[in-house]
Amino acid sequence: MINQAQLDEVIRTVEQASLDETLLTRLRAAYPGVHFNTCMDDDVSVNAKPYAERAGFNVYLVNSANHCSTLTNDPDIASGVVLAEIIED
């Protein structure tokens, strides 16, 4: 479970940083037990709806219950966050 306050803090942090390994390290240290990953937004399933959309990136939530990771928009069952970078053409 990831609460709304945590998600808001994560999003604010990402808005003020670059999507890189340093940011992931900071987030992982600040939120133990929450899994963080980055990718390009076009690598995410075409029918997936972001939990949050921001300039330069989208936020997706991951549910890793039942030994299989799936995207979710329900923070109550989310165990991870995917930060998907958007690069404008």
N, C-alpha and C. Protein backbone atom coordinates (compact mmCIF):
# COMPACT_ATOMS: atom_id res chain seq x y z
N MET A 1 0.83 -1.18 0.00
CA MET A 1 0.00 0.00 0.00
C MET A 1 0.88 1.25 0.00
N ILE A 2 0.53 2.17 -0.84
CA ILE A 2 1.20 3.45 -0.90
C ILE A 2 0.13 4.52 -0.65
N ASN A 3 0.34 5.34 0.38
CA ASN A 3 -0.71 6.32 0.68
C ASN A 3 -0.58 7.57 -0.20
N GLN A 4 -1.65 8.33 -0.23
CA GLN A 4 -1.71 9.51 -1.10
C GLN A 4 -0.63 10.52 -0.77
N ALA A 5 -0.35 10.72 0.50
CA ALA A 5 0.70 11.68 0.88
C ALA A 5 2.05 11.26 0.32
N GLN A 6 2.35 9.97 0.37
CA GLN A 6 3.61 9.47 -0.19
C GLN A 6 3.65 9.71 -1.70
N LEU A 7 2.57 9.41 -2.38
CA LEU A 7 2.52 9.61 -3.83
C LEU A 7 2.70 11.08 -4.19
N ASP A 8 2.06 11.96 -3.44
CA ASP A 8 2.22 13.39 -3.68
C ASP A 8 3.67 13.82 -3.49
N GLU A 9 4.31 13.32 -2.45
CA GLU A 9 5.72 13.64 -2.19
C GLU A 9 6.62 13.11 -3.30
N VAL A 10 6.37 11.89 -3.73
CA VAL A 10 7.16 11.30 -4.81
C VAL A 10 7.04 12.15 -6.07
N ILE A 11 5.83 12.52 -6.42
CA ILE A 11 5.60 13.31 -7.63
C ILE A 11 6.30 14.67 -7.52
N ARG A 12 6.19 15.34 -6.38
CA ARG A 12 6.88 16.62 -6.20
C ARG A 12 8.39 16.46 -6.33
N THR A 13 8.92 15.38 -5.77
CA THR A 13 10.36 15.12 -5.84
C THR A 13 10.80 14.93 -7.29
N VAL A 14 10.03 14.15 -8.04
CA VAL A 14 10.38 13.86 -9.43
C VAL A 14 10.27 15.13 -10.28
N GLU A 15 9.29 15.96 -9.99
CA GLU A 15 9.14 17.20 -10.75
C GLU A 15 10.36 18.11 -10.63
N GLN A 16 11.11 17.96 -9.54
CA GLN A 16 12.26 18.82 -9.29
C GLN A 16 13.60 18.13 -9.57
N ALA A 17 13.57 16.99 -10.23
CA ALA A 17 14.80 16.23 -10.45
C ALA A 17 14.81 15.65 -11.86
N SER A 18 15.88 14.97 -12.17
CA SER A 18 15.99 14.23 -13.43
C SER A 18 15.66 12.77 -13.17
N LEU A 19 15.01 12.14 -14.13
CA LEU A 19 14.71 10.71 -14.00
C LEU A 19 15.99 9.93 -14.27
N ASP A 20 16.72 9.64 -13.21
CA ASP A 20 17.97 8.92 -13.36
C ASP A 20 18.20 8.02 -12.14
N GLU A 21 19.30 7.33 -12.14
CA GLU A 21 19.61 6.38 -11.06
C GLU A 21 19.76 7.08 -9.72
N THR A 22 20.27 8.30 -9.70
CA THR A 22 20.40 9.06 -8.46
C THR A 22 19.03 9.31 -7.83
N LEU A 23 18.07 9.69 -8.66
CA LEU A 23 16.71 9.91 -8.17
C LEU A 23 16.12 8.61 -7.62
N LEU A 24 16.29 7.51 -8.35
CA LEU A 24 15.77 6.23 -7.87
C LEU A 24 16.38 5.85 -6.53
N THR A 25 17.66 6.07 -6.38
CA THR A 25 18.33 5.76 -5.11
C THR A 25 17.74 6.60 -3.98
N ARG A 26 17.52 7.89 -4.23
CA ARG A 26 16.91 8.76 -3.22
C ARG A 26 15.51 8.29 -2.84
N LEU A 27 14.71 7.95 -3.84
CA LEU A 27 13.34 7.51 -3.57
C LEU A 27 13.31 6.19 -2.82
N ARG A 28 14.17 5.27 -3.21
CA ARG A 28 14.22 3.97 -2.53
C ARG A 28 14.64 4.12 -1.08
N ALA A 29 15.55 5.05 -0.80
CA ALA A 29 15.98 5.29 0.58
C ALA A 29 14.88 5.96 1.39
N ALA A 30 14.14 6.86 0.76
CA ALA A 30 13.09 7.60 1.46
C ALA A 30 11.83 6.76 1.70
N TYR A 31 11.60 5.77 0.85
CA TYR A 31 10.38 4.96 0.93
C TYR A 31 10.72 3.47 0.90
N PRO A 32 11.31 2.97 1.99
CA PRO A 32 11.66 1.55 2.02
C PRO A 32 10.41 0.68 1.84
N GLY A 33 10.57 -0.37 1.09
CA GLY A 33 9.44 -1.26 0.85
C GLY A 33 8.65 -0.93 -0.40
N VAL A 34 8.86 0.26 -0.95
CA VAL A 34 8.20 0.64 -2.20
C VAL A 34 9.22 0.44 -3.32
N HIS A 35 8.81 -0.22 -4.37
CA HIS A 35 9.70 -0.47 -5.50
C HIS A 35 9.57 0.66 -6.51
N PHE A 36 10.68 1.16 -7.00
CA PHE A 36 10.69 2.24 -7.98
C PHE A 36 11.45 1.80 -9.22
N ASN A 37 10.89 2.14 -10.38
CA ASN A 37 11.54 1.87 -11.67
C ASN A 37 11.26 3.03 -12.61
N THR A 38 12.11 3.17 -13.61
CA THR A 38 11.87 4.15 -14.66
C THR A 38 11.84 3.43 -16.00
N CYS A 39 11.21 4.07 -16.95
CA CYS A 39 11.19 3.59 -18.33
C CYS A 39 10.75 4.75 -19.20
N MET A 40 10.69 4.51 -20.46
CA MET A 40 10.11 5.49 -21.38
C MET A 40 8.60 5.25 -21.41
N ASP A 41 7.84 6.33 -21.51
CA ASP A 41 6.39 6.16 -21.48
C ASP A 41 5.88 5.30 -22.62
N ASP A 42 6.54 5.35 -23.77
CA ASP A 42 6.07 4.52 -24.88
C ASP A 42 6.40 3.04 -24.70
N ASP A 43 7.13 2.69 -23.62
CA ASP A 43 7.37 1.29 -23.30
C ASP A 43 6.23 0.68 -22.48
N VAL A 44 5.33 1.53 -21.98
CA VAL A 44 4.21 1.07 -21.17
C VAL A 44 3.08 0.65 -22.11
N SER A 45 2.35 -0.36 -21.69
CA SER A 45 1.23 -0.87 -22.49
C SER A 45 0.35 0.27 -23.01
N VAL A 46 -0.02 0.18 -24.25
CA VAL A 46 -0.75 1.26 -24.92
C VAL A 46 -2.10 1.54 -24.25
N ASN A 47 -2.71 0.57 -23.62
CA ASN A 47 -4.01 0.79 -22.99
C ASN A 47 -3.92 1.08 -21.49
N ALA A 48 -2.71 1.25 -20.97
CA ALA A 48 -2.54 1.56 -19.55
C ALA A 48 -2.84 3.03 -19.31
N LYS A 49 -3.56 3.30 -18.23
CA LYS A 49 -3.88 4.67 -17.86
C LYS A 49 -2.96 5.09 -16.72
N PRO A 50 -2.24 6.19 -16.89
CA PRO A 50 -1.35 6.64 -15.82
C PRO A 50 -2.14 7.02 -14.58
N TYR A 51 -1.53 6.79 -13.43
CA TYR A 51 -2.12 7.25 -12.17
C TYR A 51 -2.07 8.78 -12.12
N ALA A 52 -0.97 9.34 -12.60
CA ALA A 52 -0.81 10.80 -12.66
C ALA A 52 -0.02 11.16 -13.90
N GLU A 53 -0.35 12.29 -14.49
CA GLU A 53 0.35 12.79 -15.67
C GLU A 53 0.97 14.14 -15.32
N ARG A 54 2.24 14.27 -15.60
CA ARG A 54 2.96 15.52 -15.35
C ARG A 54 3.79 15.87 -16.58
N ALA A 55 4.24 17.10 -16.62
CA ALA A 55 5.09 17.52 -17.73
C ALA A 55 6.37 16.70 -17.69
N GLY A 56 6.62 15.94 -18.74
CA GLY A 56 7.85 15.18 -18.84
C GLY A 56 7.80 13.75 -18.34
N PHE A 57 6.76 13.39 -17.60
CA PHE A 57 6.67 12.01 -17.12
C PHE A 57 5.24 11.66 -16.71
N ASN A 58 4.95 10.37 -16.74
CA ASN A 58 3.71 9.81 -16.22
C ASN A 58 4.06 8.88 -15.07
N VAL A 59 3.12 8.74 -14.15
CA VAL A 59 3.29 7.88 -12.98
C VAL A 59 2.32 6.71 -13.11
N TYR A 60 2.87 5.51 -13.02
CA TYR A 60 2.07 4.29 -13.02
C TYR A 60 2.31 3.57 -11.70
N LEU A 61 1.29 2.90 -11.20
CA LEU A 61 1.42 2.12 -9.97
C LEU A 61 1.45 0.65 -10.33
N VAL A 62 2.20 -0.12 -9.53
CA VAL A 62 2.37 -1.54 -9.76
C VAL A 62 1.87 -2.32 -8.56
N ASN A 63 1.14 -3.38 -8.83
CA ASN A 63 0.69 -4.33 -7.80
C ASN A 63 1.48 -5.62 -8.05
N SER A 64 2.27 -6.02 -7.07
CA SER A 64 3.09 -7.24 -7.22
C SER A 64 2.57 -8.41 -6.40
N ALA A 65 1.33 -8.36 -5.99
CA ALA A 65 0.74 -9.47 -5.26
C ALA A 65 0.62 -10.68 -6.19
N ASN A 66 0.51 -11.82 -5.62
CA ASN A 66 0.32 -13.06 -6.39
C ASN A 66 1.48 -13.36 -7.34
N HIS A 67 2.68 -12.89 -7.01
CA HIS A 67 3.90 -13.22 -7.73
C HIS A 67 3.95 -12.74 -9.17
N CYS A 68 3.05 -11.83 -9.54
CA CYS A 68 3.04 -11.31 -10.90
C CYS A 68 2.75 -9.82 -10.83
N SER A 69 3.60 -9.01 -11.41
CA SER A 69 3.41 -7.57 -11.38
C SER A 69 2.42 -7.13 -12.46
N THR A 70 1.48 -6.29 -12.05
CA THR A 70 0.51 -5.72 -12.97
C THR A 70 0.33 -4.24 -12.64
N LEU A 71 -0.07 -3.47 -13.63
CA LEU A 71 -0.35 -2.06 -13.38
C LEU A 71 -1.70 -1.92 -12.72
N THR A 72 -1.81 -0.94 -11.85
CA THR A 72 -3.05 -0.66 -11.14
C THR A 72 -3.17 0.85 -10.95
N ASN A 73 -4.34 1.34 -10.71
CA ASN A 73 -4.53 2.74 -10.33
C ASN A 73 -5.03 2.83 -8.90
N ASP A 74 -4.92 1.74 -8.17
CA ASP A 74 -5.37 1.68 -6.78
C ASP A 74 -4.17 1.70 -5.83
N PRO A 75 -3.90 2.84 -5.20
CA PRO A 75 -2.75 2.91 -4.29
C PRO A 75 -2.86 1.96 -3.10
N ASP A 76 -4.07 1.55 -2.76
CA ASP A 76 -4.25 0.64 -1.62
C ASP A 76 -3.66 -0.74 -1.87
N ILE A 77 -3.48 -1.12 -3.13
CA ILE A 77 -2.88 -2.42 -3.43
C ILE A 77 -1.54 -2.30 -4.14
N ALA A 78 -1.10 -1.05 -4.36
CA ALA A 78 0.16 -0.83 -5.06
C ALA A 78 1.35 -1.10 -4.16
N SER A 79 2.38 -1.68 -4.76
CA SER A 79 3.63 -1.93 -4.04
C SER A 79 4.80 -1.23 -4.70
N GLY A 80 4.54 -0.61 -5.85
CA GLY A 80 5.63 0.04 -6.57
C GLY A 80 5.14 1.15 -7.47
N VAL A 81 6.12 1.92 -7.93
CA VAL A 81 5.85 3.08 -8.78
C VAL A 81 6.76 3.00 -10.01
N VAL A 82 6.17 3.21 -11.18
CA VAL A 82 6.94 3.33 -12.40
C VAL A 82 6.87 4.78 -12.84
N LEU A 83 8.03 5.38 -13.03
CA LEU A 83 8.14 6.75 -13.51
C LEU A 83 8.51 6.66 -14.98
N ALA A 84 7.56 7.02 -15.83
CA ALA A 84 7.72 6.84 -17.27
C ALA A 84 7.99 8.18 -17.94
N GLU A 85 9.20 8.32 -18.45
CA GLU A 85 9.62 9.59 -19.06
C GLU A 85 8.97 9.80 -20.42
N ILE A 86 8.53 11.03 -20.64
CA ILE A 86 7.94 11.41 -21.91
C ILE A 86 8.93 12.33 -22.62
N ILE A 87 9.29 11.97 -23.83
CA ILE A 87 10.16 12.81 -24.65
C ILE A 87 9.34 13.28 -25.83
N GLU A 88 9.16 14.58 -25.92
CA GLU A 88 8.35 15.16 -27.00
C GLU A 88 9.10 15.02 -28.32
N ASP A 89 8.34 14.74 -29.37
CA ASP A 89 8.93 14.61 -30.70
C ASP A 89 9.24 15.96 -31.27
